[in-house]
Structures are given as structure tokens and as C-alpha cells.
Amino acid sequence: MTDGNIRDAARVMAESSLVDHGWCYVNNDDFWQVKPGSNDPTLQGPERDAEGNILTNKRFPDMKALTDYIHGLGLKAGLYSSPGPLTCGGCSGSFGHEEQDAASYAKWGFDYLKHDWCSYRPESEKDRAKPAPRLSVLDSITNDEKPKLMIPYATMRAALDRQPRDIHYSLCQYGMGNVSEWGDMVGGNSWRTTGDINDSWSSMAGIGFKQAGLEKYAKPGRWNDPDMLVVGHVGWGPALHPTKLTPNEQYTHISLWSLLASPLLIGCDLTKLDDFTVGLLTNDEVLEVNQDELGKQAGRISKDGNGEVWAKQMVDGSWAVGLFNRGTAPLQVSCDLSLLNIRGAAQVRDLWRQKNEAPASGKITRTIPRHGVALLRVK
């Protein structure tokens, strides 16, 4: 990843239809920092200046100029770091320098921080020159493990709060210690609930449907995060490939993440967008389910074999309902409308087809294809 890659992504987002449908963050992941011991000359150099302020590598010569470019396009800028001494890629992390790094991020103009557990070790806290800033809530937690998981994120949150800038704080520690139960307590705006996703059915479905039960922890400004979207050209490193998810699996992916009120993070190369991927990412009726201001996360209301029904209450009193088939053969899936407290006839709209359907009473039944979905708005 380079300064040029980020500018290209920002330009495409601004010039394409994506920006017209609410997509606005351009997030820079790992490898903007110096990597100690690297043989790559673009990653070499001093990690910090004489005052301890973090320095960028040669791939990112001017972070302020980069964020100015992104902001000039009407977009927001995101950055990545780790509470440990090193990031997942082995570059310089924030351990022991949280105050300085938060100040640098704010000065550079970033709007989003992903803080990735990576090399952090709880036992390393004793090596700090000064006690880590703590939130008072930590003292009321009796479980021995949770404070160890909470301290690094509380530390950076405290540092961010002292900056004259509003920065979305994304916790990334893969769901350890039931992070949904305490991500809010340490000031997280979103928190990863699982390990990394990949573009396979087993990974996407395993992560997405595993979110059942976490809906009670989601609310406006506090979101469960099942990881990025794996549609379009995806991959890690320079060797990208079209997603291995089938079209039906991609509809399931976007439908489920929208129902979950998940942060929607595009994980593909924006310079290689195809029409099908653009269609997935720009259906306003589907995106409205994700962005509904009530901020409810869908829960699973019924399960029968490979058929599952998930429902999300919307601010206008309607329900967004997903009928899913996790099996490998077509399956009839039904939603009992009494579970939504709907009596009598209900209005039904198919959100992917953007088409009103015949009113339904009692239940809604659809034949769902292999690994497919029907996403409906019901009231």
C-alpha cells in the first residue's frame, strides 16, 4: 500500500457512484509506518523522531497532504495501528506512545483509527515508564482476564479523547473475552467480533451467522463488527482475484451485514469495480437497512434446519427480514409474522428487486436457492 494507492481509491470513490450512496471513508491499513529490520528500502528509516513522535516510511511522504487530498474530495480518512510495539505486519505500533500517536493522528487529520491487537501482550504493561491511563470502569471488573484485554484500548481511547478531533475508534482483537460485552465501556465505536474473514462460504457464513445473540450490545455509535466485505477483486498483497463467493452468496453477504447494522467496509480494489459489485454496493433500499437511524441489530428469530430467518426493527415501525438458506439445495423458508407482532395483512417489499409484492397474512414463504437469501421490508 502506498500514498498513490490510497489517493486512487479516494478518487474512484469520489468519481464513481459510491459516494452518492453514502460510502465516505478511505482507510489506510498497515505498512505506512517504518518496519524495523526490513530489507525493503521503502519501509526503512527511523521509527520515531527525537521527541518520540511516530514517523512514516517512504511510501507515505506526507500524511497531512494525503488527508487533505481525501478531505478535498468530500471523504473521510482512516488509519491503522496496534496497541502493541509492532503491527501485524511488523511495523511500528503505539505501545508506550499512545498520547503522541493520538496527537499525530489528529494533527494529520484522520477521522478513523483501527487499533489491531497484534503484538500486544498484557504482561508488557509493567514495562511502561508510567502507569497506563485507565478508565474507572476497569476497577469494577472482577474477571481477571477482561481488564487485561481492556487496558490497551482504554489507554488509546483516553488519548484520543484529549485530541481536538472526533476520531471513530475501531477495536480489533478478534472477539476475545466477549468484546461485545465491554467494547462500549472502553469507548469503542465498533469492535471486531471474530477473526479475519476470507472470500469463502465457510468463512463468510460462519462469521455472519455467528453474530446471533450479539444484537443486545449494538446501538447508535456502538457496533459489532464482523469484518470487511469480500466482494469484488479481493486478496492480500498484490495478487488479487475475483471473489470466490457465488452471486447468491454475495447477496447473502451484503444482506446479512446490512441486517446486522455492521460497519460496511469495502475490502476490494476500487479501481477494478465491475457492474455486479457496484450493484451490490449501491442498492439504497438495502443500504437503508444497514443505516437505519434506530440503530437496531437484527436477531435470528427462527431456525429450521438450513433455513434461518433474521429480523431487524426499523425506525418507521417496519421490519427488515432476511430469509436465508444455508444449505446446498433450494429450500422453502418461512417467516411467521406473529414473531414480528404483525396481525392481519402485511405489506411486503423485495429490497433487492426493489419491487412490492402481494400482501401476506400469517407467514411469508419463499423458495430460497442454495446459499441464497430473500431480503424483505415488512409492515
Protein backbone atom coordinates (compact mmCIF):
# COMPACT_ATOMS: atom_id res chain seq x y z
CA MET A 1 0.00 0.00 0.00
CA THR A 2 1.28 3.44 -0.91
CA ASP A 3 0.17 7.05 -0.84
CA GLY A 4 -0.72 6.65 -4.52
CA ASN A 5 -2.91 3.61 -3.86
CA ILE A 6 -4.89 5.49 -1.23
CA ARG A 7 -5.33 8.51 -3.49
CA ASP A 8 -6.51 6.23 -6.31
CA ALA A 9 -9.10 4.61 -4.02
CA ALA A 10 -10.29 8.02 -2.84
CA ARG A 11 -10.54 9.34 -6.39
CA VAL A 12 -12.54 6.32 -7.56
CA MET A 13 -14.89 6.56 -4.59
CA ALA A 14 -15.47 10.24 -5.24
CA GLU A 15 -15.87 9.94 -9.01
CA SER A 16 -17.90 6.74 -9.04
CA SER A 17 -21.47 6.29 -7.89
CA LEU A 18 -20.30 5.00 -4.49
CA VAL A 19 -20.11 8.44 -2.92
CA ASP A 20 -23.72 9.10 -3.92
CA HIS A 21 -24.83 6.14 -1.81
CA GLY A 22 -23.12 7.09 1.44
CA TRP A 23 -19.71 5.49 1.11
CA CYS A 24 -17.27 8.02 2.57
CA TYR A 25 -14.29 6.52 4.45
CA VAL A 26 -10.98 5.73 2.76
CA ASN A 27 -8.97 3.69 5.26
CA ASN A 28 -5.22 3.10 5.09
CA ASP A 29 -4.26 -0.21 6.67
CA ASP A 30 -0.81 -1.49 7.69
CA PHE A 31 2.66 -0.59 6.30
CA TRP A 32 2.52 3.19 6.46
CA GLN A 33 5.00 3.05 9.37
CA VAL A 34 8.65 2.02 9.38
CA LYS A 35 9.27 -1.72 9.67
CA PRO A 36 12.28 -2.44 11.92
CA GLY A 37 14.76 -4.80 10.29
CA SER A 38 13.08 -4.77 6.89
CA ASN A 39 15.13 -5.35 3.75
CA ASP A 40 12.66 -3.24 1.77
CA PRO A 41 14.17 0.26 1.42
CA THR A 42 10.70 1.82 1.26
CA LEU A 43 9.99 0.54 4.78
CA GLN A 44 13.32 1.52 6.32
CA GLY A 45 14.19 4.55 8.42
CA PRO A 46 13.92 5.87 11.97
CA GLU A 47 10.72 4.76 13.69
CA ARG A 48 10.31 7.97 15.73
CA ASP A 49 11.88 11.39 16.00
CA ALA A 50 13.87 12.67 18.98
CA GLU A 51 10.64 13.58 20.81
CA GLY A 52 9.14 10.15 20.26
CA ASN A 53 6.67 11.16 17.53
CA ILE A 54 5.95 8.39 15.05
CA LEU A 55 7.40 8.73 11.56
CA THR A 56 6.07 7.42 8.27
CA ASN A 57 8.02 5.34 5.77
CA LYS A 58 8.96 6.36 2.23
CA ARG A 59 5.66 5.08 0.82
CA PHE A 60 3.82 7.85 2.68
CA PRO A 61 5.91 11.01 2.49
CA ASP A 62 3.28 13.44 3.81
CA MET A 63 0.29 12.22 5.80
CA LYS A 64 -1.23 15.69 6.17
CA ALA A 65 -1.15 16.17 2.41
CA LEU A 66 -2.81 12.79 1.97
CA THR A 67 -5.69 13.52 4.35
CA ASP A 68 -6.09 16.98 2.81
CA TYR A 69 -6.50 15.30 -0.59
CA ILE A 70 -9.09 12.86 0.78
CA HIS A 71 -10.99 15.61 2.61
CA GLY A 72 -10.86 17.75 -0.52
CA LEU A 73 -12.89 15.07 -2.28
CA GLY A 74 -15.55 15.26 0.43
CA LEU A 75 -14.43 12.00 2.05
CA LYS A 76 -13.02 10.91 5.41
CA ALA A 77 -9.65 9.31 6.15
CA GLY A 78 -8.85 6.27 8.29
CA LEU A 79 -5.62 4.89 9.70
CA TYR A 80 -4.34 1.68 11.30
CA SER A 81 -2.11 0.94 14.27
CA SER A 82 -1.65 -1.51 17.13
CA PRO A 83 -1.64 -1.22 20.93
CA GLY A 84 1.47 -3.42 20.83
CA PRO A 85 5.04 -2.44 19.90
CA LEU A 86 4.51 -3.80 16.36
CA THR A 87 1.60 -4.06 13.96
CA CYS A 88 0.52 -7.35 12.39
CA GLY A 89 2.88 -6.58 9.51
CA GLY A 90 5.81 -5.94 11.86
CA CYS A 91 5.75 -2.15 11.57
CA SER A 92 5.94 0.28 14.47
CA GLY A 93 2.97 0.16 16.86
CA SER A 94 1.75 2.55 19.53
CA PHE A 95 2.71 0.83 22.78
CA GLY A 96 4.03 3.41 25.23
CA HIS A 97 3.39 6.23 22.75
CA GLU A 98 -0.39 6.43 22.75
CA GLU A 99 -0.55 10.13 23.66
CA GLN A 100 1.96 11.11 20.98
CA ASP A 101 0.38 8.92 18.33
CA ALA A 102 -3.14 10.14 19.04
CA ALA A 103 -1.85 13.70 18.74
CA SER A 104 -0.16 12.85 15.43
CA TYR A 105 -3.31 11.26 14.02
CA ALA A 106 -5.35 14.31 14.98
CA LYS A 107 -2.75 16.73 13.58
CA TRP A 108 -2.61 14.80 10.33
CA GLY A 109 -6.42 14.96 10.10
CA PHE A 110 -7.54 11.36 10.41
CA ASP A 111 -11.16 10.55 11.18
CA TYR A 112 -10.94 6.82 11.95
CA LEU A 113 -8.49 4.57 13.81
CA LYS A 114 -8.38 0.79 13.65
CA HIS A 115 -6.39 -0.46 16.64
CA ASP A 116 -5.27 -4.05 15.96
CA TRP A 117 -4.17 -6.28 18.90
CA CYS A 118 -1.27 -7.95 17.01
CA SER A 119 1.89 -7.92 19.17
CA TYR A 120 0.30 -6.57 22.36
CA ARG A 121 0.97 -8.67 25.45
CA PRO A 122 -0.80 -7.90 28.76
CA GLU A 123 2.34 -8.69 30.75
CA SER A 124 4.18 -5.91 28.92
CA GLU A 125 2.14 -3.27 30.80
CA LYS A 126 4.62 -3.48 33.66
CA ASP A 127 7.32 -2.13 31.33
CA ARG A 128 5.62 1.20 30.77
CA ALA A 129 7.51 4.21 32.06
CA LYS A 130 4.29 5.45 33.67
CA PRO A 131 1.07 3.68 34.60
CA ALA A 132 -1.28 3.39 31.64
CA PRO A 133 -4.23 5.80 31.71
CA ARG A 134 -7.21 3.74 32.81
CA LEU A 135 -10.94 4.17 32.70
CA SER A 136 -12.59 3.86 36.08
CA VAL A 137 -14.77 1.02 34.83
CA LEU A 138 -11.71 -1.24 34.76
CA ASP A 139 -11.55 -1.19 38.54
CA SER A 140 -15.06 -2.60 38.77
CA ILE A 141 -14.37 -5.65 36.57
CA THR A 142 -13.69 -8.73 38.69
CA ASN A 143 -12.83 -11.22 35.93
CA ASP A 144 -9.02 -11.45 35.80
CA GLU A 145 -8.88 -11.67 32.02
CA LYS A 146 -11.12 -8.82 30.96
CA PRO A 147 -9.03 -5.98 32.45
CA LYS A 148 -6.01 -7.33 30.58
CA LEU A 149 -7.94 -7.12 27.34
CA MET A 150 -9.48 -3.74 28.13
CA ILE A 151 -6.42 -1.78 29.29
CA PRO A 152 -4.76 -1.17 25.90
CA TYR A 153 -8.00 0.00 24.32
CA ALA A 154 -8.93 2.18 27.29
CA THR A 155 -5.44 3.69 27.07
CA MET A 156 -5.78 4.77 23.44
CA ARG A 157 -9.38 5.91 23.96
CA ALA A 158 -8.21 8.21 26.76
CA ALA A 159 -5.51 9.59 24.45
CA LEU A 160 -7.95 10.14 21.59
CA ASP A 161 -10.37 11.92 23.92
CA ARG A 162 -7.71 14.51 24.66
CA GLN A 163 -7.41 15.46 20.98
CA PRO A 164 -9.37 18.31 19.36
CA ARG A 165 -10.74 15.94 16.73
CA ASP A 166 -13.56 13.41 16.50
CA ILE A 167 -11.97 10.06 15.58
CA HIS A 168 -14.02 6.87 15.15
CA TYR A 169 -12.36 4.20 17.29
CA SER A 170 -12.41 0.67 15.89
CA LEU A 171 -11.23 -2.09 18.25
CA CYS A 172 -9.70 -5.09 16.53
CA GLN A 173 -8.91 -8.02 18.80
CA TYR A 174 -10.93 -10.75 17.09
CA GLY A 175 -13.68 -11.08 19.69
CA MET A 176 -11.52 -12.20 22.61
CA GLY A 177 -13.11 -12.05 26.04
CA ASN A 178 -16.58 -11.42 24.58
CA VAL A 179 -15.59 -7.94 23.50
CA SER A 180 -19.22 -7.07 22.67
CA GLU A 181 -19.89 -7.02 26.41
CA TRP A 182 -17.29 -4.34 27.14
CA GLY A 183 -16.32 -2.61 23.90
CA ASP A 184 -18.65 0.23 24.83
CA MET A 185 -17.05 0.51 28.29
CA VAL A 186 -13.64 1.35 26.83
CA GLY A 187 -15.08 3.87 24.39
CA GLY A 188 -15.06 1.71 21.26
CA ASN A 189 -17.30 2.86 18.42
CA SER A 190 -17.05 -0.57 16.82
CA TRP A 191 -15.33 -3.83 17.69
CA ARG A 192 -14.40 -6.87 15.69
CA THR A 193 -16.28 -9.91 16.93
CA THR A 194 -14.36 -12.66 15.10
CA GLY A 195 -11.13 -13.49 13.34
CA ASP A 196 -10.32 -12.34 9.81
CA ILE A 197 -12.79 -13.06 7.03
CA ASN A 198 -11.94 -14.50 3.63
CA ASP A 199 -13.92 -14.91 0.43
CA SER A 200 -15.21 -18.43 1.07
CA TRP A 201 -18.71 -19.51 2.02
CA SER A 202 -17.47 -21.24 5.17
CA SER A 203 -15.69 -18.10 6.37
CA MET A 204 -18.36 -15.55 5.45
CA ALA A 205 -21.34 -17.61 6.63
CA GLY A 206 -19.51 -18.88 9.70
CA ILE A 207 -18.74 -15.32 10.78
CA GLY A 208 -22.04 -13.72 9.78
CA PHE A 209 -24.45 -16.22 11.29
CA LYS A 210 -22.29 -16.41 14.42
CA GLN A 211 -23.49 -12.90 15.30
CA ALA A 212 -26.76 -14.30 16.70
CA GLY A 213 -27.18 -13.09 20.28
CA LEU A 214 -24.90 -10.07 19.95
CA GLU A 215 -27.72 -7.73 18.94
CA LYS A 216 -28.28 -6.64 22.55
CA TYR A 217 -24.88 -4.92 22.57
CA ALA A 218 -25.38 -2.80 19.44
CA LYS A 219 -26.75 0.75 19.45
CA PRO A 220 -26.04 4.03 17.68
CA GLY A 221 -22.33 4.75 17.85
CA ARG A 222 -21.54 1.28 19.25
CA TRP A 223 -21.43 -1.51 16.68
CA ASN A 224 -20.49 -5.17 16.42
CA ASP A 225 -18.08 -5.58 13.50
CA PRO A 226 -17.94 -8.97 11.71
CA ASP A 227 -15.13 -7.70 9.43
CA MET A 228 -14.97 -6.29 5.93
CA LEU A 229 -16.94 -7.12 2.80
CA VAL A 230 -15.31 -9.67 0.50
CA VAL A 231 -16.99 -8.84 -2.81
CA GLY A 232 -15.22 -7.62 -5.95
CA HIS A 233 -11.48 -8.15 -6.54
CA VAL A 234 -10.06 -9.17 -3.17
CA GLY A 235 -6.92 -10.63 -1.65
CA TRP A 236 -3.92 -9.80 0.47
CA GLY A 237 -0.84 -8.39 -1.23
CA PRO A 238 -0.51 -7.68 -4.96
CA ALA A 239 -2.16 -10.93 -6.16
CA LEU A 240 -5.85 -10.02 -6.23
CA HIS A 241 -8.61 -12.23 -7.60
CA PRO A 242 -12.36 -12.04 -8.17
CA THR A 243 -14.21 -13.08 -5.02
CA LYS A 244 -14.79 -16.81 -4.72
CA LEU A 245 -18.31 -16.20 -3.40
CA THR A 246 -21.05 -17.05 -5.88
CA PRO A 247 -23.57 -14.34 -6.80
CA ASN A 248 -26.15 -15.81 -4.38
CA GLU A 249 -23.53 -15.95 -1.63
CA GLN A 250 -22.69 -12.29 -2.28
CA TYR A 251 -26.36 -11.33 -1.95
CA THR A 252 -26.39 -13.25 1.35
CA HIS A 253 -23.22 -11.47 2.47
CA ILE A 254 -24.48 -7.94 1.84
CA SER A 255 -27.97 -8.75 3.15
CA LEU A 256 -26.71 -10.24 6.40
CA TRP A 257 -24.16 -7.49 7.07
CA SER A 258 -26.87 -4.89 6.42
CA LEU A 259 -29.28 -6.59 8.81
CA LEU A 260 -26.51 -6.76 11.40
CA ALA A 261 -26.05 -2.96 11.32
CA SER A 262 -22.40 -3.81 10.75
CA PRO A 263 -19.83 -1.21 9.70
CA LEU A 264 -19.74 -1.72 5.93
CA LEU A 265 -16.08 -1.70 4.87
CA ILE A 266 -15.33 -2.37 1.21
CA GLY A 267 -12.39 -4.78 1.06
CA CYS A 268 -11.84 -4.88 -2.70
CA ASP A 269 -9.72 -2.95 -5.19
CA LEU A 270 -11.90 0.04 -6.08
CA THR A 271 -10.04 0.55 -9.37
CA LYS A 272 -11.36 -2.82 -10.60
CA LEU A 273 -15.05 -2.47 -9.79
CA ASP A 274 -17.41 -4.45 -12.04
CA ASP A 275 -21.08 -3.74 -12.64
CA PHE A 276 -22.30 -6.58 -10.43
CA THR A 277 -20.23 -5.40 -7.45
CA VAL A 278 -21.36 -1.81 -7.97
CA GLY A 279 -24.95 -3.04 -7.96
CA LEU A 280 -24.40 -4.85 -4.68
CA LEU A 281 -22.92 -1.75 -3.07
CA THR A 282 -25.34 0.88 -4.35
CA ASN A 283 -28.82 -0.51 -3.68
CA ASP A 284 -30.19 2.27 -1.48
CA GLU A 285 -33.05 0.17 -0.12
CA VAL A 286 -30.58 -2.44 1.14
CA LEU A 287 -28.18 0.19 2.48
CA GLU A 288 -31.08 1.84 4.31
CA VAL A 289 -31.46 -1.36 6.34
CA ASN A 290 -27.85 -1.03 7.45
CA GLN A 291 -28.01 2.72 8.10
CA ASP A 292 -31.43 2.91 9.78
CA GLU A 293 -31.21 5.57 12.49
CA LEU A 294 -32.88 3.41 15.14
CA GLY A 295 -29.59 1.53 15.24
CA LYS A 296 -31.02 -1.92 15.93
CA GLN A 297 -29.07 -5.03 15.00
CA ALA A 298 -31.04 -7.95 13.59
CA GLY A 299 -31.51 -11.11 15.61
CA ARG A 300 -32.27 -14.63 14.47
CA ILE A 301 -35.99 -15.19 15.14
CA SER A 302 -36.29 -18.74 13.81
CA LYS A 303 -34.19 -21.63 12.55
CA ASP A 304 -35.35 -24.84 10.87
CA GLY A 305 -32.54 -27.00 9.56
CA ASN A 306 -30.63 -24.95 6.98
CA GLY A 307 -33.32 -22.27 6.90
CA GLU A 308 -32.93 -19.19 9.08
CA VAL A 309 -34.99 -16.02 9.49
CA TRP A 310 -33.39 -12.84 10.80
CA ALA A 311 -35.31 -9.64 11.53
CA LYS A 312 -34.38 -6.04 12.32
CA GLN A 313 -36.76 -3.40 13.63
CA MET A 314 -36.69 -0.16 11.63
CA VAL A 315 -37.34 3.39 12.79
CA ASP A 316 -40.61 3.68 10.84
CA GLY A 317 -42.08 0.64 12.59
CA SER A 318 -41.45 -1.75 9.72
CA TRP A 319 -39.19 -4.80 9.82
CA ALA A 320 -36.29 -5.78 7.58
CA VAL A 321 -36.43 -9.56 7.27
CA GLY A 322 -33.87 -11.93 5.79
CA LEU A 323 -34.88 -15.46 4.76
CA PHE A 324 -31.66 -17.44 4.41
CA ASN A 325 -30.81 -20.88 3.06
CA ARG A 326 -27.51 -22.15 4.43
CA GLY A 327 -27.91 -25.46 2.61
CA THR A 328 -26.77 -26.67 -0.80
CA ALA A 329 -30.22 -27.34 -2.31
CA PRO A 330 -33.20 -24.98 -2.83
CA LEU A 331 -35.28 -24.71 0.33
CA GLN A 332 -38.61 -23.25 1.37
CA VAL A 333 -38.07 -20.78 4.23
CA SER A 334 -40.95 -19.18 6.12
CA CYS A 335 -41.26 -16.18 8.42
CA ASP A 336 -44.07 -16.40 10.98
CA LEU A 337 -45.42 -12.83 11.06
CA SER A 338 -46.66 -13.27 14.62
CA LEU A 339 -42.99 -13.24 15.67
CA LEU A 340 -42.94 -9.65 14.43
CA ASN A 341 -46.20 -8.85 16.23
CA ILE A 342 -47.90 -8.43 12.87
CA ARG A 343 -51.55 -9.46 12.74
CA GLY A 344 -53.62 -9.46 9.56
CA ALA A 345 -52.27 -8.46 6.16
CA ALA A 346 -48.70 -7.18 5.88
CA GLN A 347 -47.17 -5.09 3.13
CA VAL A 348 -44.11 -6.79 1.64
CA ARG A 349 -41.34 -5.31 -0.49
CA ASP A 350 -38.42 -7.21 -2.03
CA LEU A 351 -35.41 -4.96 -1.43
CA TRP A 352 -33.02 -6.48 -3.95
CA ARG A 353 -35.62 -6.39 -6.71
CA GLN A 354 -36.99 -3.06 -5.40
CA LYS A 355 -40.48 -4.35 -6.02
CA ASN A 356 -43.66 -4.50 -3.96
CA GLU A 357 -45.11 -7.98 -3.54
CA ALA A 358 -48.61 -9.19 -2.75
CA PRO A 359 -49.72 -8.60 0.86
CA ALA A 360 -49.12 -11.56 3.16
CA SER A 361 -51.03 -12.89 6.16
CA GLY A 362 -49.85 -15.33 8.79
CA LYS A 363 -46.50 -16.08 7.26
CA ILE A 364 -44.24 -15.30 4.35
CA THR A 365 -42.74 -18.26 2.49
CA ARG A 366 -40.10 -18.14 -0.23
CA THR A 367 -38.14 -20.79 -2.08
CA ILE A 368 -34.54 -19.75 -1.48
CA PRO A 369 -31.71 -21.02 -3.72
CA ARG A 370 -28.52 -22.66 -2.48
CA HIS A 371 -26.71 -20.28 -0.09
CA GLY A 372 -29.20 -17.58 -1.05
CA VAL A 373 -31.47 -15.02 0.57
CA ALA A 374 -34.68 -13.05 0.21
CA LEU A 375 -34.37 -9.63 1.84
CA LEU A 376 -37.77 -8.09 2.54
CA ARG A 377 -39.25 -4.99 4.16
CA VAL A 378 -42.44 -5.92 6.02
CA LYS A 379 -45.03 -3.76 7.79
